[in-house]
Amino acid sequence: MTRSLKKGPYVDERLLGKIAGKDPLKTGVIKTWARACQIAPEMVGFTFGVHNGKLHIEVLVSEDMVGHRLGEFSPTRKFVRHGGKMQKELEAKKKESEIASAQSAKAAANDAGASKKK
């Protein structure tokens, strides 16, 4: 359910106080635990450290984020990965391709070094 228009958006006063009169480029990360705070137009350009329950995730506020909540950009659950036999096969193929590309790059570098010596 959305917040009543009569009440207006919820913006944490302490958070607005931290950014009042400051330059977004010179100000570092502003730590906050106010995940329910809506992003106001004054916050654009600032970097907030939004707490996810364990640590602060850095969120750079852009114009597209105005009206959203700070907590939307700091996920509280960590996705590890889907497991299974198929996933292991995909990872093995990816690793083989990385090794092959590294070997070809190394061979190209050796060829270039050998041609410079001549």
N, C-alpha and C. Protein backbone atom coordinates (compact mmCIF):
# COMPACT_ATOMS: atom_id res chain seq x y z
N MET A 1 0.83 -1.17 0.00
CA MET A 1 0.00 0.00 0.00
C MET A 1 0.89 1.25 0.00
N THR A 2 0.52 2.24 -0.75
CA THR A 2 1.32 3.44 -0.84
C THR A 2 1.01 4.39 0.31
N ARG A 3 1.89 5.32 0.53
CA ARG A 3 1.70 6.30 1.60
C ARG A 3 0.68 7.34 1.15
N SER A 4 -0.10 7.83 2.07
CA SER A 4 -1.13 8.82 1.79
C SER A 4 -0.53 10.10 1.23
N LEU A 5 -1.16 10.65 0.20
CA LEU A 5 -0.68 11.90 -0.38
C LEU A 5 -0.79 13.06 0.61
N LYS A 6 -1.76 12.94 1.51
CA LYS A 6 -1.95 13.96 2.54
C LYS A 6 -0.72 14.05 3.45
N LYS A 7 -0.10 12.92 3.75
CA LYS A 7 1.08 12.89 4.62
C LYS A 7 2.34 13.32 3.88
N GLY A 8 2.42 13.06 2.60
CA GLY A 8 3.62 13.39 1.85
C GLY A 8 4.65 12.28 1.92
N PRO A 9 5.74 12.41 1.19
CA PRO A 9 6.76 11.35 1.18
C PRO A 9 7.54 11.32 2.50
N TYR A 10 8.00 10.13 2.87
CA TYR A 10 8.81 9.99 4.07
C TYR A 10 10.28 10.21 3.69
N VAL A 11 10.83 11.30 4.14
CA VAL A 11 12.25 11.58 3.95
C VAL A 11 12.83 11.85 5.32
N ASP A 12 13.86 11.11 5.68
CA ASP A 12 14.48 11.23 7.00
C ASP A 12 15.10 12.61 7.17
N GLU A 13 14.67 13.33 8.21
CA GLU A 13 15.16 14.69 8.45
C GLU A 13 16.66 14.71 8.75
N ARG A 14 17.13 13.71 9.49
CA ARG A 14 18.56 13.66 9.83
C ARG A 14 19.40 13.47 8.58
N LEU A 15 18.89 12.72 7.62
CA LEU A 15 19.61 12.49 6.38
C LEU A 15 19.67 13.76 5.54
N LEU A 16 18.57 14.49 5.51
CA LEU A 16 18.57 15.77 4.80
C LEU A 16 19.51 16.77 5.47
N GLY A 17 19.61 16.69 6.79
CA GLY A 17 20.53 17.56 7.51
C GLY A 17 21.99 17.27 7.18
N LYS A 18 22.29 16.00 6.92
CA LYS A 18 23.67 15.62 6.59
C LYS A 18 24.10 16.13 5.22
N ILE A 19 23.13 16.30 4.30
CA ILE A 19 23.49 16.73 2.94
C ILE A 19 23.23 18.21 2.71
N ALA A 20 22.62 18.88 3.67
CA ALA A 20 22.26 20.30 3.49
C ALA A 20 23.50 21.16 3.29
N GLY A 21 23.53 21.88 2.17
CA GLY A 21 24.61 22.83 1.88
C GLY A 21 25.94 22.20 1.52
N LYS A 22 25.95 20.91 1.20
CA LYS A 22 27.21 20.25 0.86
C LYS A 22 27.28 19.97 -0.64
N ASP A 23 28.50 19.86 -1.13
CA ASP A 23 28.75 19.56 -2.54
C ASP A 23 28.79 18.04 -2.72
N PRO A 24 27.99 17.48 -3.64
CA PRO A 24 27.97 16.03 -3.82
C PRO A 24 29.33 15.45 -4.23
N LEU A 25 30.12 16.21 -4.97
CA LEU A 25 31.40 15.70 -5.45
C LEU A 25 32.45 15.64 -4.34
N LYS A 26 32.40 16.59 -3.41
CA LYS A 26 33.41 16.66 -2.35
C LYS A 26 33.03 15.82 -1.14
N THR A 27 31.75 15.53 -0.98
CA THR A 27 31.28 14.76 0.16
C THR A 27 31.52 13.28 -0.10
N GLY A 28 32.02 12.59 0.89
CA GLY A 28 32.26 11.15 0.76
C GLY A 28 30.97 10.36 0.92
N VAL A 29 31.10 9.13 1.34
CA VAL A 29 29.95 8.26 1.54
C VAL A 29 29.25 8.65 2.83
N ILE A 30 27.94 8.82 2.74
CA ILE A 30 27.12 9.17 3.90
C ILE A 30 26.44 7.90 4.38
N LYS A 31 26.84 7.41 5.55
CA LYS A 31 26.27 6.16 6.07
C LYS A 31 24.88 6.41 6.61
N THR A 32 23.98 5.46 6.33
CA THR A 32 22.61 5.58 6.84
C THR A 32 22.01 4.20 7.09
N TRP A 33 21.12 4.16 8.05
CA TRP A 33 20.35 2.96 8.34
C TRP A 33 18.90 3.16 7.93
N ALA A 34 18.56 4.31 7.36
CA ALA A 34 17.19 4.66 7.00
C ALA A 34 16.85 4.08 5.63
N ARG A 35 16.57 2.79 5.59
CA ARG A 35 16.25 2.12 4.33
C ARG A 35 14.89 2.54 3.80
N ALA A 36 13.98 2.96 4.68
CA ALA A 36 12.62 3.31 4.28
C ALA A 36 12.52 4.74 3.76
N CYS A 37 13.61 5.48 3.83
CA CYS A 37 13.61 6.87 3.39
C CYS A 37 13.48 6.96 1.87
N GLN A 38 12.56 7.80 1.41
CA GLN A 38 12.40 8.01 -0.02
C GLN A 38 13.50 8.93 -0.53
N ILE A 39 13.91 8.72 -1.77
CA ILE A 39 14.96 9.54 -2.36
C ILE A 39 14.33 10.83 -2.88
N ALA A 40 14.83 11.95 -2.38
CA ALA A 40 14.34 13.27 -2.77
C ALA A 40 15.25 13.85 -3.85
N PRO A 41 14.76 14.83 -4.61
CA PRO A 41 15.60 15.44 -5.65
C PRO A 41 16.88 16.08 -5.11
N GLU A 42 16.88 16.50 -3.84
CA GLU A 42 18.09 17.10 -3.25
C GLU A 42 19.21 16.09 -3.08
N MET A 43 18.89 14.80 -3.08
CA MET A 43 19.87 13.74 -2.84
C MET A 43 20.63 13.33 -4.09
N VAL A 44 20.22 13.83 -5.24
CA VAL A 44 20.85 13.40 -6.50
C VAL A 44 22.32 13.80 -6.52
N GLY A 45 23.17 12.84 -6.84
CA GLY A 45 24.60 13.08 -6.93
C GLY A 45 25.37 12.61 -5.70
N PHE A 46 24.69 12.44 -4.57
CA PHE A 46 25.36 11.99 -3.36
C PHE A 46 25.51 10.48 -3.35
N THR A 47 26.50 10.00 -2.61
CA THR A 47 26.71 8.56 -2.43
C THR A 47 26.34 8.22 -1.00
N PHE A 48 25.40 7.30 -0.85
CA PHE A 48 24.95 6.86 0.46
C PHE A 48 25.41 5.45 0.73
N GLY A 49 25.82 5.20 1.95
CA GLY A 49 26.13 3.85 2.40
C GLY A 49 24.91 3.30 3.09
N VAL A 50 24.10 2.52 2.37
CA VAL A 50 22.83 2.02 2.91
C VAL A 50 23.08 0.67 3.58
N HIS A 51 22.69 0.56 4.84
CA HIS A 51 22.95 -0.66 5.62
C HIS A 51 22.01 -1.77 5.17
N ASN A 52 22.56 -2.97 4.97
CA ASN A 52 21.73 -4.10 4.54
C ASN A 52 21.56 -5.14 5.64
N GLY A 53 21.96 -4.80 6.86
CA GLY A 53 21.85 -5.73 7.96
C GLY A 53 23.21 -6.26 8.37
N LYS A 54 24.18 -6.19 7.47
CA LYS A 54 25.52 -6.67 7.78
C LYS A 54 26.57 -5.59 7.52
N LEU A 55 26.45 -4.92 6.38
CA LEU A 55 27.41 -3.89 6.02
C LEU A 55 26.72 -2.81 5.20
N HIS A 56 27.45 -1.75 4.92
CA HIS A 56 26.88 -0.64 4.16
C HIS A 56 27.21 -0.81 2.67
N ILE A 57 26.19 -0.80 1.83
CA ILE A 57 26.34 -0.89 0.38
C ILE A 57 26.32 0.54 -0.17
N GLU A 58 27.32 0.87 -0.99
CA GLU A 58 27.38 2.22 -1.56
C GLU A 58 26.37 2.36 -2.69
N VAL A 59 25.56 3.42 -2.62
CA VAL A 59 24.53 3.71 -3.61
C VAL A 59 24.73 5.13 -4.10
N LEU A 60 25.03 5.29 -5.38
CA LEU A 60 25.16 6.61 -5.99
C LEU A 60 23.79 6.98 -6.53
N VAL A 61 23.21 8.04 -6.01
CA VAL A 61 21.84 8.43 -6.35
C VAL A 61 21.83 9.19 -7.67
N SER A 62 20.97 8.73 -8.61
CA SER A 62 20.80 9.41 -9.89
C SER A 62 19.37 9.93 -9.99
N GLU A 63 19.08 10.65 -11.06
CA GLU A 63 17.74 11.24 -11.22
C GLU A 63 16.66 10.19 -11.37
N ASP A 64 17.00 9.03 -11.93
CA ASP A 64 16.01 7.97 -12.13
C ASP A 64 15.53 7.37 -10.81
N MET A 65 16.31 7.53 -9.76
CA MET A 65 16.00 6.91 -8.47
C MET A 65 15.04 7.75 -7.62
N VAL A 66 14.77 8.98 -8.00
CA VAL A 66 13.91 9.86 -7.19
C VAL A 66 12.53 9.23 -7.05
N GLY A 67 12.04 9.17 -5.81
CA GLY A 67 10.74 8.58 -5.53
C GLY A 67 10.84 7.16 -5.03
N HIS A 68 11.97 6.50 -5.25
CA HIS A 68 12.18 5.14 -4.75
C HIS A 68 12.72 5.20 -3.33
N ARG A 69 12.81 4.05 -2.68
CA ARG A 69 13.34 3.98 -1.32
C ARG A 69 14.83 3.62 -1.39
N LEU A 70 15.59 4.05 -0.41
CA LEU A 70 17.02 3.74 -0.37
C LEU A 70 17.25 2.23 -0.25
N GLY A 71 16.39 1.55 0.48
CA GLY A 71 16.54 0.12 0.70
C GLY A 71 16.39 -0.73 -0.55
N GLU A 72 15.77 -0.18 -1.59
CA GLU A 72 15.59 -0.93 -2.84
C GLU A 72 16.93 -1.20 -3.53
N PHE A 73 17.93 -0.38 -3.24
CA PHE A 73 19.21 -0.48 -3.93
C PHE A 73 20.28 -1.13 -3.07
N SER A 74 19.88 -1.68 -1.94
CA SER A 74 20.80 -2.37 -1.05
C SER A 74 20.18 -3.71 -0.65
N PRO A 75 20.39 -4.76 -1.46
CA PRO A 75 19.74 -6.04 -1.19
C PRO A 75 20.21 -6.65 0.13
N THR A 76 19.26 -7.27 0.85
CA THR A 76 19.57 -7.86 2.14
C THR A 76 19.91 -9.34 2.03
N ARG A 77 19.63 -9.94 0.92
CA ARG A 77 19.93 -11.36 0.73
C ARG A 77 21.02 -11.52 -0.32
N LYS A 78 21.94 -12.42 -0.06
CA LYS A 78 23.07 -12.65 -0.97
C LYS A 78 22.77 -13.87 -1.84
N PHE A 79 22.77 -13.67 -3.15
CA PHE A 79 22.56 -14.79 -4.07
C PHE A 79 23.90 -15.46 -4.30
N VAL A 80 24.01 -16.74 -3.95
CA VAL A 80 25.25 -17.46 -4.14
C VAL A 80 25.29 -17.96 -5.57
N ARG A 81 24.50 -18.92 -5.92
CA ARG A 81 24.32 -19.40 -7.29
C ARG A 81 23.48 -20.66 -7.26
N HIS A 82 22.96 -21.00 -8.42
CA HIS A 82 22.25 -22.26 -8.54
C HIS A 82 23.28 -23.34 -8.75
N GLY A 83 23.06 -24.48 -8.15
CA GLY A 83 24.04 -25.56 -8.25
C GLY A 83 23.59 -26.60 -9.24
N GLY A 84 24.17 -27.77 -9.15
CA GLY A 84 23.79 -28.87 -9.98
C GLY A 84 24.85 -29.24 -11.00
N LYS A 85 24.61 -30.34 -11.66
CA LYS A 85 25.56 -30.88 -12.63
C LYS A 85 25.73 -29.95 -13.83
N MET A 86 24.63 -29.38 -14.31
CA MET A 86 24.69 -28.52 -15.48
C MET A 86 25.52 -27.26 -15.19
N GLN A 87 25.37 -26.71 -14.01
CA GLN A 87 26.13 -25.51 -13.63
C GLN A 87 27.61 -25.81 -13.59
N LYS A 88 28.00 -26.97 -13.07
CA LYS A 88 29.41 -27.34 -13.00
C LYS A 88 30.01 -27.47 -14.40
N GLU A 89 29.23 -28.05 -15.33
CA GLU A 89 29.71 -28.19 -16.71
C GLU A 89 29.92 -26.82 -17.35
N LEU A 90 28.99 -25.89 -17.12
CA LEU A 90 29.13 -24.54 -17.67
C LEU A 90 30.36 -23.83 -17.11
N GLU A 91 30.59 -23.99 -15.83
CA GLU A 91 31.76 -23.36 -15.21
C GLU A 91 33.06 -23.96 -15.74
N ALA A 92 33.08 -25.28 -15.98
CA ALA A 92 34.27 -25.93 -16.51
C ALA A 92 34.58 -25.42 -17.92
N LYS A 93 33.54 -25.27 -18.75
CA LYS A 93 33.74 -24.76 -20.11
C LYS A 93 34.25 -23.32 -20.07
N LYS A 94 33.72 -22.52 -19.18
CA LYS A 94 34.14 -21.13 -19.06
C LYS A 94 35.60 -21.05 -18.65
N LYS A 95 35.99 -21.89 -17.71
CA LYS A 95 37.37 -21.89 -17.23
C LYS A 95 38.33 -22.32 -18.34
N GLU A 96 37.94 -23.34 -19.13
CA GLU A 96 38.77 -23.80 -20.25
C GLU A 96 38.95 -22.70 -21.28
N SER A 97 37.88 -21.97 -21.58
CA SER A 97 37.98 -20.89 -22.57
C SER A 97 38.87 -19.76 -22.05
N GLU A 98 38.82 -19.47 -20.75
CA GLU A 98 39.69 -18.45 -20.17
C GLU A 98 41.15 -18.86 -20.27
N ILE A 99 41.43 -20.11 -20.00
CA ILE A 99 42.81 -20.62 -20.08
C ILE A 99 43.30 -20.56 -21.51
N ALA A 100 42.46 -20.94 -22.46
CA ALA A 100 42.85 -20.92 -23.87
C ALA A 100 43.12 -19.50 -24.34
N SER A 101 42.30 -18.55 -23.93
CA SER A 101 42.51 -17.17 -24.35
C SER A 101 43.78 -16.59 -23.71
N ALA A 102 44.07 -16.97 -22.47
CA ALA A 102 45.28 -16.50 -21.81
C ALA A 102 46.52 -17.06 -22.49
N GLN A 103 46.46 -18.33 -22.90
CA GLN A 103 47.60 -18.95 -23.59
C GLN A 103 47.82 -18.31 -24.95
N SER A 104 46.76 -17.99 -25.66
CA SER A 104 46.91 -17.37 -26.98
C SER A 104 47.47 -15.94 -26.83
N ALA A 105 47.05 -15.23 -25.80
CA ALA A 105 47.58 -13.90 -25.57
C ALA A 105 49.06 -13.95 -25.21
N LYS A 106 49.44 -14.95 -24.42
CA LYS A 106 50.84 -15.12 -24.03
C LYS A 106 51.69 -15.47 -25.25
N ALA A 107 51.17 -16.34 -26.12
CA ALA A 107 51.90 -16.72 -27.34
C ALA A 107 52.07 -15.50 -28.26
N ALA A 108 51.04 -14.67 -28.36
CA ALA A 108 51.12 -13.48 -29.20
C ALA A 108 52.16 -12.50 -28.64
N ALA A 109 52.22 -12.39 -27.31
CA ALA A 109 53.20 -11.51 -26.69
C ALA A 109 54.62 -12.03 -26.93
N ASN A 110 54.80 -13.34 -26.84
CA ASN A 110 56.11 -13.93 -27.09
C ASN A 110 56.54 -13.73 -28.54
N ASP A 111 55.61 -13.87 -29.49
CA ASP A 111 55.91 -13.65 -30.91
C ASP A 111 56.31 -12.20 -31.15
N ALA A 112 55.62 -11.28 -30.50
CA ALA A 112 55.93 -9.86 -30.68
C ALA A 112 57.30 -9.54 -30.10
N GLY A 113 57.63 -10.16 -28.97
CA GLY A 113 58.94 -9.95 -28.35
C GLY A 113 60.06 -10.53 -29.17
N ALA A 114 59.82 -11.67 -29.82
CA ALA A 114 60.83 -12.30 -30.64
C ALA A 114 61.08 -11.49 -31.91
N SER A 115 60.04 -10.88 -32.48
CA SER A 115 60.23 -10.09 -33.70
C SER A 115 60.97 -8.79 -33.42
N LYS A 116 60.86 -8.25 -32.20
CA LYS A 116 61.59 -7.03 -31.84
C LYS A 116 63.08 -7.29 -31.70
N LYS A 117 63.45 -8.50 -31.26
CA LYS A 117 64.87 -8.84 -31.06
C LYS A 117 65.61 -8.95 -32.38
N LYS A 118 64.93 -9.26 -33.46
CA LYS A 118 65.59 -9.43 -34.75
C LYS A 118 65.97 -8.16 -35.37
